[in-house]
C-alpha atoms as a PDB file:
ATOM      1  CA  MET A   1       0.000   0.000   0.000  1.00  0.00           C
ATOM      2  CA  ILE A   2       1.549   3.289  -1.105  1.00  0.00           C
ATOM      3  CA  ASP A   3       1.235   6.029   1.522  1.00  0.00           C
ATOM      4  CA  LEU A   4       0.288   9.595   0.654  1.00  0.00           C
ATOM      5  CA  LYS A   5       3.850  10.916   0.913  1.00  0.00           C
ATOM      6  CA  GLU A   6       5.176   8.336  -1.537  1.00  0.00           C
ATOM      7  CA  GLN A   7       2.224   8.888  -3.862  1.00  0.00           C
ATOM      8  CA  ASN A   8       2.906  12.630  -3.915  1.00  0.00           C
ATOM      9  CA  ALA A   9       6.599  12.013  -4.594  1.00  0.00           C
ATOM     10  CA  GLN A  10       5.740   9.778  -7.550  1.00  0.00           C
ATOM     11  CA  ARG A  11       3.293  12.377  -8.870  1.00  0.00           C
ATOM     12  CA  ASP A  12       5.915  15.128  -8.588  1.00  0.00           C
ATOM     13  CA  GLU A  13       8.468  12.988 -10.436  1.00  0.00           C
ATOM     14  CA  VAL A  14       6.029  12.338 -13.280  1.00  0.00           C
ATOM     15  CA  LEU A  15       5.047  15.998 -13.563  1.00  0.00           C
ATOM     16  CA  SER A  16       8.690  17.114 -13.457  1.00  0.00           C
ATOM     17  CA  LYS A  17       9.457  14.934 -16.489  1.00  0.00           C
ATOM     18  CA  VAL A  18       6.387  16.191 -18.327  1.00  0.00           C
ATOM     19  CA  ARG A  19       7.343  19.818 -17.672  1.00  0.00           C
ATOM     20  CA  ALA A  20      10.852  19.123 -18.967  1.00  0.00           C
ATOM     21  CA  ARG A  21       9.457  17.779 -22.225  1.00  0.00           C
ATOM     22  CA  LEU A  22       7.085  20.697 -22.563  1.00  0.00           C
ATOM     23  CA  ALA A  23      10.041  23.071 -22.206  1.00  0.00           C
ATOM     24  CA  ALA A  24      12.004  21.055 -24.762  1.00  0.00           C
ATOM     25  CA  GLY A  25       9.117  21.316 -27.204  1.00  0.00           C
ATOM     26  CA  THR A  26       8.858  17.549 -27.713  1.00  0.00           C
ATOM     27  CA  ILE A  27       5.238  17.437 -26.530  1.00  0.00           C
ATOM     28  CA  SER A  28       2.467  20.014 -26.823  1.00  0.00           C
ATOM     29  CA  LEU A  29      -0.320  20.976 -24.456  1.00  0.00           C
ATOM     30  CA  THR A  30      -2.810  19.803 -27.069  1.00  0.00           C
ATOM     31  CA  ARG A  31      -1.224  16.352 -27.125  1.00  0.00           C
ATOM     32  CA  LEU A  32      -1.155  16.238 -23.316  1.00  0.00           C
ATOM     33  CA  ARG A  33      -4.880  16.921 -23.261  1.00  0.00           C
ATOM     34  CA  VAL A  34      -5.367  13.811 -25.408  1.00  0.00           C
ATOM     35  CA  ILE A  35      -3.120  11.737 -23.129  1.00  0.00           C
ATOM     36  CA  THR A  36      -4.723  12.873 -19.870  1.00  0.00           C
ATOM     37  CA  GLY A  37      -8.307  13.267 -21.047  1.00  0.00           C
ATOM     38  CA  LEU A  38      -8.441  16.636 -19.286  1.00  0.00           C
ATOM     39  CA  ASP A  39      -9.792  19.947 -20.512  1.00  0.00           C
ATOM     40  CA  ALA A  40      -7.439  22.921 -20.735  1.00  0.00           C
ATOM     41  CA  PRO A  41      -8.166  24.463 -17.277  1.00  0.00           C
ATOM     42  CA  ASP A  42      -7.745  21.131 -15.449  1.00  0.00           C
ATOM     43  CA  LEU A  43      -4.545  20.354 -17.328  1.00  0.00           C
ATOM     44  CA  LYS A  44      -3.154  23.771 -16.410  1.00  0.00           C
ATOM     45  CA  ASP A  45      -4.040  23.098 -12.757  1.00  0.00           C
ATOM     46  CA  ILE A  46      -2.217  19.802 -12.634  1.00  0.00           C
ATOM     47  CA  LEU A  47       0.853  21.099 -14.451  1.00  0.00           C
ATOM     48  CA  ASP A  48       1.045  24.211 -12.275  1.00  0.00           C
ATOM     49  CA  ASP A  49      -0.021  22.928  -8.866  1.00  0.00           C
ATOM     50  CA  GLY A  50       0.093  19.146  -9.142  1.00  0.00           C
ATOM     51  CA  ILE A  51      -3.612  18.781  -8.427  1.00  0.00           C
ATOM     52  CA  ILE A  52      -6.982  19.596  -9.935  1.00  0.00           C
ATOM     53  CA  SER A  53      -8.525  21.863  -7.347  1.00  0.00           C
ATOM     54  CA  LEU A  54     -12.148  22.180  -8.448  1.00  0.00           C
ATOM     55  CA  GLY A  55     -14.920  19.646  -8.915  1.00  0.00           C
ATOM     56  CA  TRP A  56     -16.438  16.890  -6.826  1.00  0.00           C
ATOM     57  CA  ASN A  57     -14.192  14.256  -8.428  1.00  0.00           C
ATOM     58  CA  SER A  58     -11.018  16.369  -8.605  1.00  0.00           C
ATOM     59  CA  SER A  59      -8.953  13.829  -6.637  1.00  0.00           C
ATOM     60  CA  GLN A  60      -9.921  10.970  -8.947  1.00  0.00           C
ATOM     61  CA  LYS A  61      -9.277  13.110 -12.029  1.00  0.00           C
ATOM     62  CA  THR A  62      -5.830  14.056 -10.694  1.00  0.00           C
ATOM     63  CA  GLN A  63      -4.896  10.445  -9.987  1.00  0.00           C
ATOM     64  CA  GLY A  64      -6.187   9.255 -13.344  1.00  0.00           C
ATOM     65  CA  ALA A  65      -4.306  11.975 -15.228  1.00  0.00           C
ATOM     66  CA  VAL A  66      -1.044  11.200 -13.417  1.00  0.00           C
ATOM     67  CA  GLU A  67      -1.442   7.491 -14.162  1.00  0.00           C
ATOM     68  CA  ASN A  68      -2.020   8.241 -17.856  1.00  0.00           C
ATOM     69  CA  LEU A  69       1.008  10.522 -17.964  1.00  0.00           C
ATOM     70  CA  SER A  70       3.128   7.907 -16.194  1.00  0.00           C
ATOM     71  CA  SER A  71       2.077   5.271 -18.706  1.00  0.00           C
ATOM     72  CA  TRP A  72       2.943   7.588 -21.585  1.00  0.00           C
ATOM     73  CA  LEU A  73       6.358   8.354 -20.084  1.00  0.00           C
ATOM     74  CA  ASN A  74       7.097   4.639 -19.694  1.00  0.00           C
ATOM     75  CA  ASP A  75       6.307   4.052 -23.366  1.00  0.00           C
ATOM     76  CA  ASP A  76       8.216   7.109 -24.597  1.00  0.00           C
ATOM     77  CA  GLU A  77      11.568   6.008 -25.997  1.00  0.00           C
ATOM     78  CA  HIS A  78      12.904   9.560 -26.117  1.00  0.00           C
ATOM     79  CA  ALA A  79      13.585  10.676 -22.538  1.00  0.00           C
ATOM     80  CA  THR A  80      14.440  14.261 -23.391  1.00  0.00           C
ATOM     81  CA  GLU A  81      15.882  15.071 -19.967  1.00  0.00           C
ATOM     82  CA  ASP A  82      17.999  11.894 -19.673  1.00  0.00           C
ATOM     83  CA  ASP A  83      21.763  12.215 -20.209  1.00  0.00           C
ATOM     84  CA  ALA A  84      21.908   8.682 -21.587  1.00  0.00           C
ATOM     85  CA  ALA A  85      19.682   9.680 -24.519  1.00  0.00           C
ATOM     86  CA  TYR A  86      22.409  11.881 -26.021  1.00  0.00           C
ATOM     87  CA  ALA A  87      25.861  11.384 -27.455  1.00  0.00           C
ATOM     88  CA  MET A  88      27.993  13.880 -25.555  1.00  0.00           C
ATOM     89  CA  THR A  89      30.130  14.856 -28.526  1.00  0.00           C
ATOM     90  CA  PRO A  90      32.606  17.749 -28.329  1.00  0.00           C
ATOM     91  CA  THR A  91      30.282  19.881 -30.466  1.00  0.00           C
ATOM     92  CA  PHE A  92      27.306  18.986 -28.240  1.00  0.00           C
ATOM     93  CA  GLN A  93      29.236  20.102 -25.155  1.00  0.00           C
ATOM     94  CA  ILE A  94      30.325  23.360 -26.787  1.00  0.00           C
ATOM     95  CA  LEU A  95      26.683  24.056 -27.651  1.00  0.00           C
ATOM     96  CA  GLN A  96      25.665  23.467 -24.022  1.00  0.00           C
ATOM     97  CA  THR A  97      28.238  26.046 -22.931  1.00  0.00           C
ATOM     98  CA  LEU A  98      27.031  28.583 -25.484  1.00  0.00           C
ATOM     99  CA  LEU A  99      23.397  28.135 -24.453  1.00  0.00           C
ATOM    100  CA  ALA A 100      24.226  28.388 -20.760  1.00  0.00           C
ATOM    101  CA  THR A 101      26.265  31.559 -21.293  1.00  0.00           C
ATOM    102  CA  ALA A 102      23.535  33.237 -23.343  1.00  0.00           C
ATOM    103  CA  HIS A 103      20.939  32.208 -20.759  1.00  0.00           C
ATOM    104  CA  GLU A 104      22.906  33.492 -17.789  1.00  0.00           C
ATOM    105  CA  ASN A 105      23.995  36.742 -19.413  1.00  0.00           C
ATOM    106  CA  ARG A 106      20.726  37.436 -21.275  1.00  0.00           C
ATOM    107  CA  GLU A 107      22.521  37.559 -24.595  1.00  0.00           C
ATOM    108  CA  LEU A 108      21.195  37.254 -28.120  1.00  0.00           C
ATOM    109  CA  ILE A 109      23.206  34.601 -29.947  1.00  0.00           C
ATOM    110  CA  ALA A 110      22.880  32.751 -33.208  1.00  0.00           C
ATOM    111  CA  ILE A 111      24.001  29.161 -33.628  1.00  0.00           C
ATOM    112  CA  THR A 112      24.317  28.340 -37.296  1.00  0.00           C
ATOM    113  CA  GLY A 113      25.875  25.495 -39.131  1.00  0.00           C
ATOM    114  CA  SER A 114      25.631  22.485 -41.306  1.00  0.00           C
ATOM    115  CA  TRP A 115      22.852  19.945 -41.168  1.00  0.00           C
ATOM    116  CA  GLY A 116      22.936  17.069 -38.715  1.00  0.00           C
ATOM    117  CA  ILE A 117      25.670  18.278 -36.352  1.00  0.00           C
ATOM    118  CA  GLY A 118      23.451  18.001 -33.265  1.00  0.00           C
ATOM    119  CA  LYS A 119      22.046  21.529 -32.891  1.00  0.00           C
ATOM    120  CA  SER A 120      18.498  20.315 -32.268  1.00  0.00           C
ATOM    121  CA  GLN A 121      19.577  17.600 -29.835  1.00  0.00           C
ATOM    122  CA  ALA A 122      21.624  20.104 -27.877  1.00  0.00           C
ATOM    123  CA  ALA A 123      18.710  22.547 -27.766  1.00  0.00           C
ATOM    124  CA  LYS A 124      16.258  19.894 -26.552  1.00  0.00           C
ATOM    125  CA  TYR A 125      18.634  18.713 -23.859  1.00  0.00           C
ATOM    126  CA  TYR A 126      19.369  22.203 -22.563  1.00  0.00           C
ATOM    127  CA  ALA A 127      15.693  23.146 -22.391  1.00  0.00           C
ATOM    128  CA  ALA A 128      14.750  19.846 -20.735  1.00  0.00           C
ATOM    129  CA  THR A 129      17.435  20.220 -18.072  1.00  0.00           C
ATOM    130  CA  HIS A 130      16.740  23.944 -17.465  1.00  0.00           C
ATOM    131  CA  PRO A 131      12.952  24.037 -17.982  1.00  0.00           C
ATOM    132  CA  ARG A 132      10.759  27.052 -17.553  1.00  0.00           C
ATOM    133  CA  THR A 133       7.842  26.073 -15.307  1.00  0.00           C
ATOM    134  CA  PHE A 134       4.848  27.803 -13.772  1.00  0.00           C
ATOM    135  CA  ASN A 135       6.893  28.969 -10.751  1.00  0.00           C
ATOM    136  CA  ARG A 136      10.462  29.063 -12.046  1.00  0.00           C
ATOM    137  CA  PRO A 137      12.119  30.909 -14.914  1.00  0.00           C
ATOM    138  CA  GLY A 138      14.049  28.845 -17.390  1.00  0.00           C
ATOM    139  CA  ALA A 139      14.420  27.762 -20.981  1.00  0.00           C
ATOM    140  CA  VAL A 140      11.756  27.029 -23.565  1.00  0.00           C
ATOM    141  CA  ARG A 141      12.525  25.549 -26.979  1.00  0.00           C
ATOM    142  CA  ILE A 142      10.266  26.584 -29.856  1.00  0.00           C
ATOM    143  CA  GLN A 143      10.584  25.189 -33.370  1.00  0.00           C
ATOM    144  CA  PHE A 144       9.306  27.208 -36.299  1.00  0.00           C
ATOM    145  CA  ASP A 145       7.882  25.984 -39.584  1.00  0.00           C
ATOM    146  CA  ARG A 146       7.144  27.714 -42.878  1.00  0.00           C
ATOM    147  CA  THR A 147       3.728  28.880 -41.700  1.00  0.00           C
ATOM    148  CA  ASP A 148       5.475  31.180 -39.191  1.00  0.00           C
ATOM    149  CA  CYS A 149       6.891  33.523 -41.838  1.00  0.00           C
ATOM    150  CA  ARG A 150       4.651  36.419 -40.752  1.00  0.00           C
ATOM    151  CA  ALA A 151       5.512  38.341 -37.591  1.00  0.00           C
ATOM    152  CA  VAL A 152       2.167  37.693 -35.908  1.00  0.00           C
ATOM    153  CA  ALA A 153       2.386  33.959 -36.642  1.00  0.00           C
ATOM    154  CA  ALA A 154       5.911  33.757 -35.217  1.00  0.00           C
ATOM    155  CA  LEU A 155       4.853  35.609 -32.073  1.00  0.00           C
ATOM    156  CA  GLU A 156       1.815  33.387 -31.654  1.00  0.00           C
ATOM    157  CA  LYS A 157       4.067  30.314 -31.913  1.00  0.00           C
ATOM    158  CA  ILE A 158       6.269  31.739 -29.146  1.00  0.00           C
ATOM    159  CA  ARG A 159       3.237  32.657 -27.054  1.00  0.00           C
ATOM    160  CA  ASP A 160       1.880  29.130 -27.362  1.00  0.00           C
ATOM    161  CA  GLY A 161       5.292  27.655 -26.558  1.00  0.00           C
ATOM    162  CA  LEU A 162       5.304  29.624 -23.320  1.00  0.00           C
ATOM    163  CA  GLY A 163       1.950  28.093 -22.431  1.00  0.00           C
ATOM    164  CA  ILE A 164       0.119  31.416 -22.445  1.00  0.00           C
ATOM    165  CA  ASN A 165      -3.626  31.178 -22.918  1.00  0.00           C
ATOM    166  CA  PRO A 166      -4.488  33.785 -25.578  1.00  0.00           C
ATOM    167  CA  PRO A 167      -7.149  36.327 -24.597  1.00  0.00           C
ATOM    168  CA  SER A 168     -10.524  35.777 -26.183  1.00  0.00           C
ATOM    169  CA  HIS A 169     -10.824  39.232 -27.729  1.00  0.00           C
ATOM    170  CA  ARG A 170      -9.490  39.504 -31.247  1.00  0.00           C
ATOM    171  CA  LYS A 171      -7.463  42.677 -30.848  1.00  0.00           C
ATOM    172  CA  SER A 172      -5.069  41.199 -28.307  1.00  0.00           C
ATOM    173  CA  LYS A 173      -1.420  41.466 -29.318  1.00  0.00           C
ATOM    174  CA  PRO A 174       0.771  38.384 -28.814  1.00  0.00           C
ATOM    175  CA  MET A 175       3.809  40.623 -28.193  1.00  0.00           C
ATOM    176  CA  ASN A 176       2.077  42.116 -25.145  1.00  0.00           C
ATOM    177  CA  ALA A 177       1.077  38.682 -23.876  1.00  0.00           C
ATOM    178  CA  ILE A 178       4.642  37.409 -24.245  1.00  0.00           C
ATOM    179  CA  GLY A 179       6.058  40.441 -22.442  1.00  0.00           C
ATOM    180  CA  ALA A 180       3.611  40.025 -19.562  1.00  0.00           C
ATOM    181  CA  ALA A 181       4.522  36.358 -19.147  1.00  0.00           C
ATOM    182  CA  LEU A 182       8.320  36.557 -19.412  1.00  0.00           C
ATOM    183  CA  ARG A 183      10.326  36.704 -16.199  1.00  0.00           C
ATOM    184  CA  PRO A 184      13.949  37.557 -15.455  1.00  0.00           C
ATOM    185  CA  GLY A 185      15.869  34.354 -16.047  1.00  0.00           C
ATOM    186  CA  ASP A 186      13.713  33.106 -18.903  1.00  0.00           C
ATOM    187  CA  PHE A 187      15.474  31.970 -22.052  1.00  0.00           C
ATOM    188  CA  LEU A 188      14.091  31.368 -25.531  1.00  0.00           C
ATOM    189  CA  ILE A 189      15.688  28.760 -27.791  1.00  0.00           C
ATOM    190  CA  LEU A 190      14.280  29.389 -31.263  1.00  0.00           C
ATOM    191  CA  GLU A 191      14.912  26.639 -33.813  1.00  0.00           C
ATOM    192  CA  GLU A 192      14.641  26.517 -37.600  1.00  0.00           C
ATOM    193  CA  CYS A 193      14.873  30.303 -37.727  1.00  0.00           C
ATOM    194  CA  GLN A 194      15.709  30.202 -41.443  1.00  0.00           C
ATOM    195  CA  ARG A 195      12.008  29.453 -41.983  1.00  0.00           C
ATOM    196  CA  LEU A 196      10.909  32.792 -40.544  1.00  0.00           C
ATOM    197  CA  GLY A 197      11.752  34.953 -43.545  1.00  0.00           C
ATOM    198  CA  GLU A 198      10.635  38.532 -42.896  1.00  0.00           C
ATOM    199  CA  ALA A 199       9.452  37.551 -39.407  1.00  0.00           C
ATOM    200  CA  LEU A 200      13.105  37.321 -38.282  1.00  0.00           C
ATOM    201  CA  ASP A 201      12.807  40.910 -37.097  1.00  0.00           C
ATOM    202  CA  VAL A 202      10.583  39.813 -34.183  1.00  0.00           C
ATOM    203  CA  ILE A 203      13.625  38.172 -32.561  1.00  0.00           C
ATOM    204  CA  CYS A 204      15.447  41.478 -32.425  1.00  0.00           C
ATOM    205  CA  SER A 205      12.361  43.143 -30.956  1.00  0.00           C
ATOM    206  CA  LEU A 206      11.927  40.475 -28.282  1.00  0.00           C
ATOM    207  CA  HIS A 207      15.491  40.925 -27.092  1.00  0.00           C
ATOM    208  CA  ASP A 208      15.367  44.727 -27.220  1.00  0.00           C
ATOM    209  CA  ASP A 209      12.003  45.019 -25.463  1.00  0.00           C
ATOM    210  CA  PHE A 210      12.299  42.349 -22.773  1.00  0.00           C
ATOM    211  CA  GLY A 211      16.019  41.854 -22.217  1.00  0.00           C
ATOM    212  CA  ILE A 212      15.923  38.062 -22.023  1.00  0.00           C
ATOM    213  CA  GLY A 213      18.442  35.621 -23.386  1.00  0.00           C
ATOM    214  CA  ILE A 214      17.627  34.269 -26.841  1.00  0.00           C
ATOM    215  CA  ALA A 215      19.382  31.641 -28.933  1.00  0.00           C
ATOM    216  CA  MET A 216      18.357  31.557 -32.567  1.00  0.00           C
ATOM    217  CA  ILE A 217      19.337  28.351 -34.334  1.00  0.00           C
ATOM    218  CA  GLY A 218      19.351  27.593 -38.029  1.00  0.00           C
ATOM    219  CA  ASN A 219      21.080  26.004 -40.982  1.00  0.00           C
ATOM    220  CA  PRO A 220      23.287  27.771 -43.577  1.00  0.00           C
ATOM    221  CA  ASP A 221      20.204  29.450 -45.075  1.00  0.00           C
ATOM    222  CA  LEU A 222      19.913  31.499 -41.869  1.00  0.00           C
ATOM    223  CA  SER A 223      23.530  32.623 -42.206  1.00  0.00           C
ATOM    224  CA  ALA A 224      22.905  33.727 -45.782  1.00  0.00           C
ATOM    225  CA  ALA A 225      19.694  35.580 -44.882  1.00  0.00           C
ATOM    226  CA  VAL A 226      21.087  37.540 -41.935  1.00  0.00           C
ATOM    227  CA  TRP A 227      24.848  37.782 -42.546  1.00  0.00           C
ATOM    228  CA  GLY A 228      24.936  37.592 -46.340  1.00  0.00           C
ATOM    229  CA  LYS A 229      25.204  40.421 -48.840  1.00  0.00           C
ATOM    230  CA  ASN A 230      21.611  41.497 -48.275  1.00  0.00           C
ATOM    231  CA  THR A 231      21.328  43.960 -45.373  1.00  0.00           C
ATOM    232  CA  THR A 232      17.589  43.500 -44.740  1.00  0.00           C
ATOM    233  CA  PHE A 233      18.283  42.190 -41.249  1.00  0.00           C
ATOM    234  CA  GLY A 234      21.167  44.513 -40.435  1.00  0.00           C
ATOM    235  CA  ALA A 235      19.904  45.292 -36.928  1.00  0.00           C
ATOM    236  CA  LEU A 236      19.637  41.604 -36.081  1.00  0.00           C
ATOM    237  CA  ALA A 237      23.046  40.859 -37.604  1.00  0.00           C
ATOM    238  CA  SER A 238      24.701  43.566 -35.523  1.00  0.00           C
ATOM    239  CA  ARG A 239      23.043  42.537 -32.254  1.00  0.00           C
ATOM    240  CA  ALA A 240      23.432  38.761 -32.410  1.00  0.00           C
ATOM    241  CA  ASN A 241      26.757  37.106 -31.702  1.00  0.00           C
ATOM    242  CA  ARG A 242      27.023  34.307 -34.237  1.00  0.00           C
ATOM    243  CA  PHE A 243      28.687  30.943 -33.687  1.00  0.00           C
ATOM    244  CA  ASP A 244      28.988  28.955 -36.879  1.00  0.00           C
ATOM    245  CA  PHE A 245      29.765  25.237 -37.042  1.00  0.00           C
ATOM    246  CA  SER A 246      30.961  24.110 -40.439  1.00  0.00           C
ATOM    247  CA  GLY A 247      30.251  20.434 -39.942  1.00  0.00           C
ATOM    248  CA  THR A 248      30.604  17.295 -37.872  1.00  0.00           C
ATOM    249  CA  THR A 249      34.162  16.621 -36.738  1.00  0.00           C
ATOM    250  CA  PRO A 250      35.960  13.255 -36.580  1.00  0.00           C
ATOM    251  CA  GLU A 251      35.994  13.639 -32.787  1.00  0.00           C
ATOM    252  CA  ASP A 252      32.203  13.983 -32.826  1.00  0.00           C
ATOM    253  CA  VAL A 253      31.943  10.739 -34.787  1.00  0.00           C
ATOM    254  CA  ASP A 254      34.194   8.910 -32.332  1.00  0.00           C
ATOM    255  CA  ALA A 255      32.064  10.108 -29.422  1.00  0.00           C
ATOM    256  CA  TRP A 256      28.854   9.108 -31.227  1.00  0.00           C
ATOM    257  CA  LEU A 257      30.185   5.619 -31.978  1.00  0.00           C
ATOM    258  CA  ALA A 258      31.297   5.179 -28.363  1.00  0.00           C
ATOM    259  CA  TRP A 259      27.808   6.206 -27.218  1.00  0.00           C
ATOM    260  CA  HIS A 260      25.938   4.038 -29.728  1.00  0.00           C
ATOM    261  CA  GLY A 261      28.342   1.117 -29.464  1.00  0.00           C
ATOM    262  CA  LEU A 262      29.881  -0.989 -32.204  1.00  0.00           C
ATOM    263  CA  PRO A 263      28.470  -4.449 -32.928  1.00  0.00           C
ATOM    264  CA  GLU A 264      29.999  -7.451 -31.250  1.00  0.00           C
ATOM    265  CA  GLY A 265      31.886 -10.109 -33.181  1.00  0.00           C
ATOM    266  CA  LEU A 266      33.997  -7.792 -35.331  1.00  0.00           C
ATOM    267  CA  ASN A 267      37.763  -8.026 -35.237  1.00  0.00           C
ATOM    268  CA  GLY A 268      40.003  -5.001 -34.903  1.00  0.00           C
ATOM    269  CA  GLN A 269      40.380  -4.471 -38.639  1.00  0.00           C
ATOM    270  CA  GLU A 270      36.612  -4.680 -39.217  1.00  0.00           C
ATOM    271  CA  ARG A 271      35.887  -2.265 -36.366  1.00  0.00           C
ATOM    272  CA  ALA A 272      38.437   0.202 -37.751  1.00  0.00           C
ATOM    273  CA  LYS A 273      36.883   0.034 -41.237  1.00  0.00           C
ATOM    274  CA  LEU A 274      33.394   0.525 -39.805  1.00  0.00           C
ATOM    275  CA  ALA A 275      34.603   3.581 -37.887  1.00  0.00           C
ATOM    276  CA  ARG A 276      36.233   5.017 -41.039  1.00  0.00           C
ATOM    277  CA  CYS A 277      33.051   4.530 -43.070  1.00  0.00           C
ATOM    278  CA  ALA A 278      30.957   6.102 -40.322  1.00  0.00           C
ATOM    279  CA  ALA A 279      33.280   9.112 -40.222  1.00  0.00           C
ATOM    280  CA  ALA A 280      33.120   9.499 -44.018  1.00  0.00           C
ATOM    281  CA  ILE A 281      29.318   9.665 -43.896  1.00  0.00           C
ATOM    282  CA  ALA A 282      29.060  11.999 -40.910  1.00  0.00           C
ATOM    283  CA  THR A 283      31.773  14.467 -41.895  1.00  0.00           C
ATOM    284  CA  ARG A 284      30.864  15.013 -45.532  1.00  0.00           C
ATOM    285  CA  PRO A 285      29.287  18.394 -46.302  1.00  0.00           C
ATOM    286  CA  GLY A 286      25.706  19.013 -47.277  1.00  0.00           C
ATOM    287  CA  GLN A 287      22.266  17.869 -46.198  1.00  0.00           C
ATOM    288  CA  ASN A 288      23.109  14.181 -46.549  1.00  0.00           C
ATOM    289  CA  GLY A 289      26.012  14.361 -44.122  1.00  0.00           C
ATOM    290  CA  GLY A 290      26.258  14.829 -40.379  1.00  0.00           C
ATOM    291  CA  LEU A 291      25.522  12.669 -37.369  1.00  0.00           C
ATOM    292  CA  ARG A 292      21.847  12.620 -38.250  1.00  0.00           C
ATOM    293  CA  ALA A 293      22.627  11.017 -41.607  1.00  0.00           C
ATOM    294  CA  LEU A 294      24.897   8.478 -39.919  1.00  0.00           C
ATOM    295  CA  ALA A 295      22.229   7.664 -37.329  1.00  0.00           C
ATOM    296  CA  ASP A 296      19.629   7.190 -40.074  1.00  0.00           C
ATOM    297  CA  VAL A 297      21.848   4.817 -42.022  1.00  0.00           C
ATOM    298  CA  VAL A 298      22.771   2.781 -38.933  1.00  0.00           C
ATOM    299  CA  ARG A 299      19.121   2.584 -37.886  1.00  0.00           C
ATOM    300  CA  MET A 300      18.067   1.351 -41.320  1.00  0.00           C
ATOM    301  CA  ALA A 301      20.889  -1.202 -41.337  1.00  0.00           C
ATOM    302  CA  GLU A 302      19.752  -2.546 -37.988  1.00  0.00           C
ATOM    303  CA  THR A 303      16.108  -2.565 -39.106  1.00  0.00           C
ATOM    304  CA  LEU A 304      16.495  -4.066 -42.573  1.00  0.00           C
ATOM    305  CA  TYR A 305      19.578  -6.225 -42.063  1.00  0.00           C
ATOM    306  CA  GLY A 306      19.386  -7.100 -38.397  1.00  0.00           C
ATOM    307  CA  ASN A 307      20.458 -10.681 -39.174  1.00  0.00           C
ATOM    308  CA  GLN A 308      23.724  -9.445 -40.693  1.00  0.00           C
ATOM    309  CA  PRO A 309      26.704  -7.925 -38.892  1.00  0.00           C
ATOM    310  CA  LEU A 310      26.983  -4.173 -39.310  1.00  0.00           C
ATOM    311  CA  THR A 311      30.137  -3.738 -41.388  1.00  0.00           C
ATOM    312  CA  GLY A 312      31.746  -0.852 -43.186  1.00  0.00           C
ATOM    313  CA  ALA A 313      30.747  -2.339 -46.530  1.00  0.00           C
ATOM    314  CA  LEU A 314      27.074  -2.536 -45.524  1.00  0.00           C
ATOM    315  CA  LEU A 315      27.203   0.995 -44.150  1.00  0.00           C
ATOM    316  CA  ASN A 316      28.680   2.307 -47.405  1.00  0.00           C
ATOM    317  CA  GLN A 317      26.129   0.431 -49.501  1.00  0.00           C
ATOM    318  CA  LEU A 318      23.175   1.848 -47.578  1.00  0.00           C
ATOM    319  CA  ALA A 319      24.620   5.345 -47.439  1.00  0.00           C
ATOM    320  CA  ALA A 320      25.035   5.403 -51.222  1.00  0.00           C
ATOM    321  CA  THR A 321      21.329   4.586 -51.579  1.00  0.00           C
ATOM    322  CA  LEU A 322      19.743   6.455 -48.681  1.00  0.00           C
ATOM    323  CA  LYS A 323      22.096   9.434 -48.328  1.00  0.00           C
ATOM    324  CA  PRO A 324      23.892   9.877 -51.652  1.00  0.00           C
ATOM    325  CA  SER A 325      26.673  12.438 -51.729  1.00  0.00           C
ATOM    326  CA  MET A 326      25.518  15.831 -52.994  1.00  0.00           C
ATOM    327  CA  GLN A 327      28.842  16.474 -54.650  1.00  0.00           C
END
């Protein structure tokens, strides 16, 4: 029989993990409503206070929601806040330092670079381990898509990422709602910023108006848009300190392989060839390179050819088909 103290501790552990994933942007409030079966006010209650305070069956609703969330967490293979879920590559660790520095010093930084070097993984991990919650400032990761290319759409995406309930009247301004909700110590991690187009200017305004730390993250298209020959975003270019990563390094590949593990049964020569082939895939330039490309190829090899040993030859064969060189 679980006593009340232990039950509350288990509830707090579950809710802490859920809040971390909300901050990391890997789950939405809409999806949590589906998982818990709660309406928006009750879900806000349980995320903020740990209990549903109103209603004759509030205790049963709270317990049921926590059990549903716990079941979902047990089935979720991507524990965003868990160190073991990430390859701690040198680039990943540098990105953690950059994010922490911008957060602490309320700086506006830009992290740009090639595809698949681990920018998104680093952003998710930082937000999940420094989450903004209802009673504590912290980080929130927000990922843009091509529908956010207007300023109002981008601001609404940020507002929703902060968990702000929009006012019912139509003339409400999301910028005002964001400003009212932000607290000293909050930090915005804005991903896929190259998709914002003209709406990039809202990032400059957010930093100027509210003085919070902001990390804008994007691929080489973001570098070209802000720091290229065109001076459309001159104010943003002059305010943001940019850190550009040209690609995955051999040291990153070694760290990723150590984290993922090499298959058993290979001799030293075979392991060395596999490592060389993995490095060739991950360090080549372009969209079909990077650690993400390597992870995709390895995953497909394990899925499609699980009865065969993972060798360098098999890795090369799959990479040529799935991730052909762009050169």
